[in-house]
């Protein structure tokens, strides 16, 4: 694949090109990981859970497997974490 370029927006955002999303089967709701190797930012498609009973392709699919109580606990945790990080 040839190198593809994108400008970084004012808020530090960019779009993963469609060719790359198709190659990695990345879609809405997928978990993306960022790491640094030297001067390179590496973007990877991640698994939501390595120890789950079933494999999940997205956060939404994982949430559908949770009980209502587990969903409430997850939401509460995420909201607290977002407030601490001021997302």
N, C-alpha and C. Protein backbone atom coordinates (compact mmCIF):
# COMPACT_ATOMS: atom_id res chain seq x y z
N UNK A 1 0.84 -1.19 0.00
CA UNK A 1 0.00 0.00 0.00
C UNK A 1 0.88 1.24 0.00
N UNK A 2 0.54 2.20 -0.81
CA UNK A 2 1.25 3.47 -0.85
C UNK A 2 0.96 4.28 0.40
N UNK A 3 1.84 5.20 0.71
CA UNK A 3 1.65 6.08 1.87
C UNK A 3 0.48 7.01 1.59
N UNK A 4 -0.35 7.23 2.60
CA UNK A 4 -1.49 8.12 2.51
C UNK A 4 -1.29 9.26 3.50
N UNK A 5 -1.66 10.46 3.14
CA UNK A 5 -1.48 11.63 3.99
C UNK A 5 -2.82 12.23 4.40
N UNK A 6 -2.87 12.72 5.63
CA UNK A 6 -4.04 13.44 6.13
C UNK A 6 -3.54 14.58 7.00
N UNK A 7 -4.23 15.71 6.99
CA UNK A 7 -3.89 16.82 7.87
C UNK A 7 -4.49 16.57 9.24
N UNK A 8 -3.78 16.98 10.26
CA UNK A 8 -4.28 16.92 11.62
C UNK A 8 -5.12 18.16 11.86
N UNK A 9 -6.34 17.98 12.33
CA UNK A 9 -7.25 19.09 12.55
C UNK A 9 -6.90 19.92 13.77
N UNK A 10 -7.60 21.01 13.94
CA UNK A 10 -7.37 21.95 15.04
C UNK A 10 -7.47 21.26 16.40
N UNK A 11 -8.37 20.31 16.54
CA UNK A 11 -8.56 19.61 17.81
C UNK A 11 -7.73 18.34 17.92
N UNK A 12 -6.73 18.18 17.03
CA UNK A 12 -5.86 17.01 17.09
C UNK A 12 -6.49 15.76 16.51
N UNK A 13 -7.48 15.92 15.66
CA UNK A 13 -8.19 14.78 15.08
C UNK A 13 -7.81 14.56 13.63
N UNK A 14 -7.91 13.32 13.21
CA UNK A 14 -7.71 12.96 11.82
C UNK A 14 -8.62 11.77 11.51
N UNK A 15 -8.74 11.43 10.26
CA UNK A 15 -9.57 10.30 9.85
C UNK A 15 -8.67 9.19 9.33
N UNK A 16 -8.94 7.97 9.74
CA UNK A 16 -8.22 6.83 9.19
C UNK A 16 -8.77 6.61 7.78
N UNK A 17 -7.90 6.62 6.78
CA UNK A 17 -8.37 6.47 5.40
C UNK A 17 -9.18 5.18 5.20
N UNK A 18 -10.17 5.26 4.34
CA UNK A 18 -11.09 4.14 4.09
C UNK A 18 -10.34 2.88 3.65
N UNK A 19 -9.27 3.04 2.86
CA UNK A 19 -8.53 1.86 2.41
C UNK A 19 -7.94 1.10 3.59
N UNK A 20 -7.42 1.84 4.56
CA UNK A 20 -6.83 1.21 5.75
C UNK A 20 -7.92 0.59 6.61
N UNK A 21 -9.04 1.30 6.77
CA UNK A 21 -10.14 0.74 7.57
C UNK A 21 -10.65 -0.55 6.95
N UNK A 22 -10.74 -0.60 5.65
CA UNK A 22 -11.19 -1.83 4.97
C UNK A 22 -10.18 -2.95 5.14
N UNK A 23 -8.89 -2.64 4.99
CA UNK A 23 -7.86 -3.66 5.12
C UNK A 23 -7.85 -4.28 6.52
N UNK A 24 -8.08 -3.46 7.54
CA UNK A 24 -8.07 -3.93 8.92
C UNK A 24 -9.46 -4.27 9.45
N UNK A 25 -10.47 -4.14 8.60
CA UNK A 25 -11.86 -4.40 9.00
C UNK A 25 -12.23 -3.57 10.23
N UNK A 26 -11.92 -2.28 10.18
CA UNK A 26 -12.23 -1.36 11.28
C UNK A 26 -13.54 -0.65 10.95
N UNK A 27 -14.45 -0.62 11.91
CA UNK A 27 -15.73 0.05 11.72
C UNK A 27 -16.17 0.77 12.98
N UNK A 28 -17.32 1.38 12.90
CA UNK A 28 -17.89 2.13 14.01
C UNK A 28 -17.97 1.23 15.25
N UNK A 29 -17.52 1.75 16.36
CA UNK A 29 -17.59 1.03 17.62
C UNK A 29 -16.38 0.16 17.92
N UNK A 30 -15.46 0.01 16.96
CA UNK A 30 -14.27 -0.80 17.20
C UNK A 30 -13.31 -0.05 18.11
N UNK A 31 -12.56 -0.80 18.88
CA UNK A 31 -11.57 -0.24 19.79
C UNK A 31 -10.25 -0.11 19.04
N UNK A 32 -9.67 1.09 19.07
CA UNK A 32 -8.42 1.38 18.38
C UNK A 32 -7.36 1.68 19.42
N UNK A 33 -6.17 1.11 19.24
CA UNK A 33 -5.05 1.37 20.15
C UNK A 33 -3.99 2.22 19.46
N UNK A 34 -3.34 3.08 20.23
CA UNK A 34 -2.27 3.92 19.72
C UNK A 34 -1.02 3.63 20.54
N UNK A 35 0.12 3.46 19.87
CA UNK A 35 1.39 3.28 20.56
C UNK A 35 2.46 4.01 19.77
N UNK A 36 3.61 4.19 20.40
CA UNK A 36 4.72 4.89 19.75
C UNK A 36 5.89 3.93 19.63
N UNK A 37 6.44 3.87 18.44
CA UNK A 37 7.65 3.09 18.18
C UNK A 37 8.65 4.03 17.51
N UNK A 38 9.60 4.54 18.30
CA UNK A 38 10.53 5.54 17.78
C UNK A 38 9.78 6.82 17.49
N UNK A 39 9.84 7.28 16.25
CA UNK A 39 9.10 8.49 15.82
C UNK A 39 7.82 8.14 15.09
N UNK A 40 7.35 6.91 15.25
CA UNK A 40 6.18 6.44 14.51
C UNK A 40 5.01 6.18 15.45
N UNK A 41 3.84 6.66 15.08
CA UNK A 41 2.61 6.34 15.81
C UNK A 41 2.01 5.12 15.14
N UNK A 42 1.76 4.08 15.93
CA UNK A 42 1.19 2.85 15.41
C UNK A 42 -0.27 2.75 15.86
N UNK A 43 -1.16 2.57 14.91
CA UNK A 43 -2.60 2.44 15.19
C UNK A 43 -2.98 0.99 14.95
N UNK A 44 -3.61 0.36 15.95
CA UNK A 44 -3.99 -1.05 15.84
C UNK A 44 -5.44 -1.25 16.22
N UNK A 45 -6.08 -2.21 15.58
CA UNK A 45 -7.42 -2.63 15.98
C UNK A 45 -7.24 -3.56 17.17
N UNK A 46 -7.95 -3.30 18.24
CA UNK A 46 -7.78 -4.06 19.47
C UNK A 46 -8.98 -4.93 19.77
N UNK A 47 -8.76 -5.96 20.55
CA UNK A 47 -9.85 -6.77 21.08
C UNK A 47 -10.39 -6.05 22.30
N UNK A 48 -11.67 -6.13 22.52
CA UNK A 48 -12.28 -5.49 23.67
C UNK A 48 -11.89 -6.22 24.95
N UNK A 49 -11.81 -7.54 24.87
CA UNK A 49 -11.56 -8.33 26.06
C UNK A 49 -10.83 -9.61 25.67
N UNK A 50 -9.68 -9.85 26.26
CA UNK A 50 -8.93 -11.07 25.98
C UNK A 50 -9.42 -12.27 26.78
N UNK A 51 -10.08 -12.02 27.90
CA UNK A 51 -10.51 -13.11 28.78
C UNK A 51 -12.02 -13.32 28.79
N UNK A 52 -12.74 -12.73 27.86
CA UNK A 52 -14.19 -12.88 27.81
C UNK A 52 -14.56 -14.30 27.39
N UNK A 53 -15.78 -14.68 27.71
CA UNK A 53 -16.26 -16.02 27.36
C UNK A 53 -16.41 -16.17 25.85
N UNK A 54 -16.76 -15.08 25.16
CA UNK A 54 -16.90 -15.12 23.70
C UNK A 54 -16.10 -13.97 23.11
N UNK A 55 -15.76 -14.08 21.84
CA UNK A 55 -15.03 -13.02 21.16
C UNK A 55 -16.00 -11.91 20.77
N UNK A 56 -15.55 -10.68 20.88
CA UNK A 56 -16.37 -9.52 20.52
C UNK A 56 -15.60 -8.69 19.51
N UNK A 57 -16.28 -8.20 18.52
CA UNK A 57 -15.64 -7.35 17.52
C UNK A 57 -15.77 -5.88 17.85
N UNK A 58 -16.67 -5.52 18.77
CA UNK A 58 -16.85 -4.11 19.08
C UNK A 58 -17.33 -3.95 20.51
N UNK A 59 -17.23 -2.73 21.01
CA UNK A 59 -17.69 -2.42 22.35
C UNK A 59 -19.19 -2.69 22.46
N UNK A 60 -19.95 -2.34 21.41
CA UNK A 60 -21.39 -2.56 21.44
C UNK A 60 -21.72 -4.05 21.57
N UNK A 61 -21.00 -4.90 20.83
CA UNK A 61 -21.26 -6.34 20.92
C UNK A 61 -20.95 -6.85 22.32
N UNK A 62 -19.86 -6.35 22.93
CA UNK A 62 -19.53 -6.77 24.28
C UNK A 62 -20.62 -6.33 25.26
N UNK A 63 -21.09 -5.08 25.12
CA UNK A 63 -22.11 -4.56 26.02
C UNK A 63 -23.40 -5.38 25.94
N UNK A 64 -23.72 -5.87 24.74
CA UNK A 64 -24.94 -6.68 24.57
C UNK A 64 -24.86 -7.99 25.35
N UNK A 65 -23.66 -8.45 25.65
CA UNK A 65 -23.49 -9.70 26.38
C UNK A 65 -23.58 -9.52 27.90
N UNK A 66 -23.55 -8.27 28.36
CA UNK A 66 -23.58 -7.98 29.79
C UNK A 66 -25.00 -8.01 30.33
N UNK A 67 -25.10 -8.30 31.62
CA UNK A 67 -26.39 -8.21 32.29
C UNK A 67 -26.73 -6.74 32.49
N UNK A 68 -27.99 -6.40 32.75
CA UNK A 68 -28.33 -5.00 33.01
C UNK A 68 -27.50 -4.40 34.16
N UNK A 69 -27.26 -5.17 35.21
CA UNK A 69 -26.45 -4.67 36.34
C UNK A 69 -25.01 -4.40 35.90
N UNK A 70 -24.43 -5.30 35.11
CA UNK A 70 -23.07 -5.10 34.61
C UNK A 70 -22.99 -3.87 33.71
N UNK A 71 -24.03 -3.64 32.91
CA UNK A 71 -24.05 -2.45 32.06
C UNK A 71 -24.08 -1.18 32.90
N UNK A 72 -24.91 -1.17 33.95
CA UNK A 72 -24.99 0.00 34.83
C UNK A 72 -23.63 0.26 35.49
N UNK A 73 -22.98 -0.82 35.96
CA UNK A 73 -21.68 -0.67 36.60
C UNK A 73 -20.63 -0.16 35.60
N UNK A 74 -20.68 -0.68 34.37
CA UNK A 74 -19.74 -0.23 33.36
C UNK A 74 -19.97 1.25 33.04
N UNK A 75 -21.22 1.64 32.87
CA UNK A 75 -21.55 3.03 32.55
C UNK A 75 -21.11 3.96 33.68
N UNK A 76 -21.36 3.56 34.92
CA UNK A 76 -20.96 4.37 36.07
C UNK A 76 -19.44 4.53 36.09
N UNK A 77 -18.72 3.45 35.86
CA UNK A 77 -17.27 3.51 35.83
C UNK A 77 -16.78 4.45 34.73
N UNK A 78 -17.33 4.31 33.53
CA UNK A 78 -16.90 5.14 32.40
C UNK A 78 -17.21 6.61 32.62
N UNK A 79 -18.36 6.90 33.21
CA UNK A 79 -18.72 8.29 33.48
C UNK A 79 -17.76 8.91 34.50
N UNK A 80 -17.42 8.15 35.55
CA UNK A 80 -16.47 8.65 36.55
C UNK A 80 -15.10 8.88 35.92
N UNK A 81 -14.67 7.95 35.10
CA UNK A 81 -13.38 8.06 34.44
C UNK A 81 -13.37 9.27 33.49
N UNK A 82 -14.44 9.48 32.76
CA UNK A 82 -14.52 10.61 31.85
C UNK A 82 -14.47 11.94 32.60
N UNK A 83 -15.14 12.00 33.76
CA UNK A 83 -15.10 13.23 34.56
C UNK A 83 -13.69 13.50 35.07
N UNK A 84 -12.99 12.43 35.50
CA UNK A 84 -11.61 12.61 35.98
C UNK A 84 -10.70 13.09 34.87
N UNK A 85 -10.93 12.58 33.64
CA UNK A 85 -10.09 12.94 32.50
C UNK A 85 -10.61 14.17 31.79
N UNK A 86 -11.77 14.66 32.22
CA UNK A 86 -12.41 15.85 31.60
C UNK A 86 -12.55 15.68 30.09
N UNK A 87 -13.14 14.55 29.69
CA UNK A 87 -13.37 14.26 28.26
C UNK A 87 -14.41 15.18 27.70
